[in-house]
Every structure is written in structure tokens, then in C-alpha cells.
Amino acid sequence: MVPATPRDVVHLRVGSFILMFLFAFAVLGIIAQAPVMTGIAIVLAVITVIDMTLAARRQKLRHNGEAG
């Protein structure tokens, strides 16, 4: 158990849910040969991964708070 704030937990859980849909949109874009849709999905996925990484880092840096 690491100390966590509810905001960090939400960032991780919602981020993983969003990543699943962005992966599906990227695959659909590749299949449909729609490079714009694929590019947008990849850019949003990278942003989501960065946000999730920062949330996980914030969790590890905290020494007080709710155990999550």
C-alpha cells in the first residue's frame, strides 16, 4: 500500500480506461486507412500515459494521506 490521494487514483483508473478506447480507435484508424484518426489517438494516448506516470510519481512521493 502506498499513500495516495483520491485524485491520483482517479487519474490512474480513468487513464487506463481511456487508453483502452484510444487503442481501439488507433486500430480502427489503421484498418480504415484514416491516418488523421490514428494520429490523434496516438497523441492522446501519449498524453494519457504521461498523465498516469505523473500521478503514479505523485503517489510515491507522498508520505501521508489515504492508503490506496
Protein backbone atom coordinates (compact mmCIF):
# COMPACT_ATOMS: atom_id res chain seq x y z
CA MET A 1 0.00 0.00 0.00
CA VAL A 2 1.24 3.44 -0.93
CA PRO A 3 -0.20 6.67 0.35
CA ALA A 4 -2.40 8.19 -2.33
CA THR A 5 -4.89 10.94 -2.86
CA PRO A 6 -8.23 10.14 -4.47
CA ARG A 7 -7.26 12.41 -7.38
CA ASP A 8 -4.19 10.29 -8.17
CA VAL A 9 -6.23 7.09 -8.01
CA VAL A 10 -8.83 8.57 -10.38
CA HIS A 11 -6.10 9.65 -12.80
CA LEU A 12 -4.75 6.09 -12.92
CA ARG A 13 -8.08 4.31 -13.19
CA VAL A 14 -9.72 6.65 -15.70
CA GLY A 15 -6.45 6.88 -17.64
CA SER A 16 -6.31 3.12 -18.11
CA PHE A 17 -9.93 3.12 -19.27
CA ILE A 18 -9.19 5.91 -21.77
CA LEU A 19 -6.11 4.07 -23.04
CA MET A 20 -8.24 1.06 -23.91
CA PHE A 21 -10.53 3.16 -26.11
CA LEU A 22 -7.66 5.08 -27.69
CA PHE A 23 -6.02 1.78 -28.63
CA ALA A 24 -9.27 0.68 -30.27
CA PHE A 25 -9.53 3.98 -32.19
CA ALA A 26 -5.92 3.67 -33.34
CA VAL A 27 -6.53 0.14 -34.62
CA LEU A 28 -9.73 1.28 -36.33
CA GLY A 29 -7.84 4.14 -37.93
CA ILE A 30 -5.20 1.75 -39.25
CA ILE A 31 -7.81 -0.67 -40.61
CA ALA A 32 -9.88 2.13 -42.18
CA GLN A 33 -6.73 3.81 -43.52
CA ALA A 34 -7.56 7.03 -41.71
CA PRO A 35 -4.18 8.46 -40.70
CA VAL A 36 -5.65 11.55 -39.02
CA MET A 37 -7.77 9.46 -36.64
CA THR A 38 -4.81 7.19 -35.92
CA GLY A 39 -2.52 10.15 -35.27
CA ILE A 40 -4.97 11.84 -32.93
CA ALA A 41 -5.48 8.59 -31.00
CA ILE A 42 -1.72 8.08 -30.65
CA VAL A 43 -1.11 11.67 -29.49
CA LEU A 44 -3.91 11.42 -26.92
CA ALA A 45 -2.56 8.05 -25.75
CA VAL A 46 0.89 9.55 -25.19
CA ILE A 47 -0.63 12.44 -23.21
CA THR A 48 -2.65 9.96 -21.13
CA VAL A 49 0.41 7.84 -20.39
CA ILE A 50 2.34 10.94 -19.29
CA ASP A 51 -0.54 11.95 -17.00
CA MET A 52 -0.70 8.46 -15.50
CA THR A 53 3.05 8.43 -14.96
CA LEU A 54 2.93 11.77 -13.17
CA ALA A 55 0.04 10.56 -10.99
CA ALA A 56 1.97 7.42 -10.04
CA ARG A 57 5.03 9.51 -9.25
CA ARG A 58 2.92 11.82 -7.05
CA GLN A 59 1.66 8.75 -5.20
CA LYS A 60 5.17 7.53 -4.45
CA LEU A 61 6.37 10.96 -3.31
CA ARG A 62 3.61 11.40 -0.73
CA HIS A 63 4.35 10.22 2.78
CA ASN A 64 0.95 10.96 4.28
CA GLY A 65 -2.64 10.57 3.28
CA GLU A 66 -5.01 7.81 2.47
CA ALA A 67 -3.68 4.35 1.61
CA GLY A 68 -4.74 3.44 -1.93
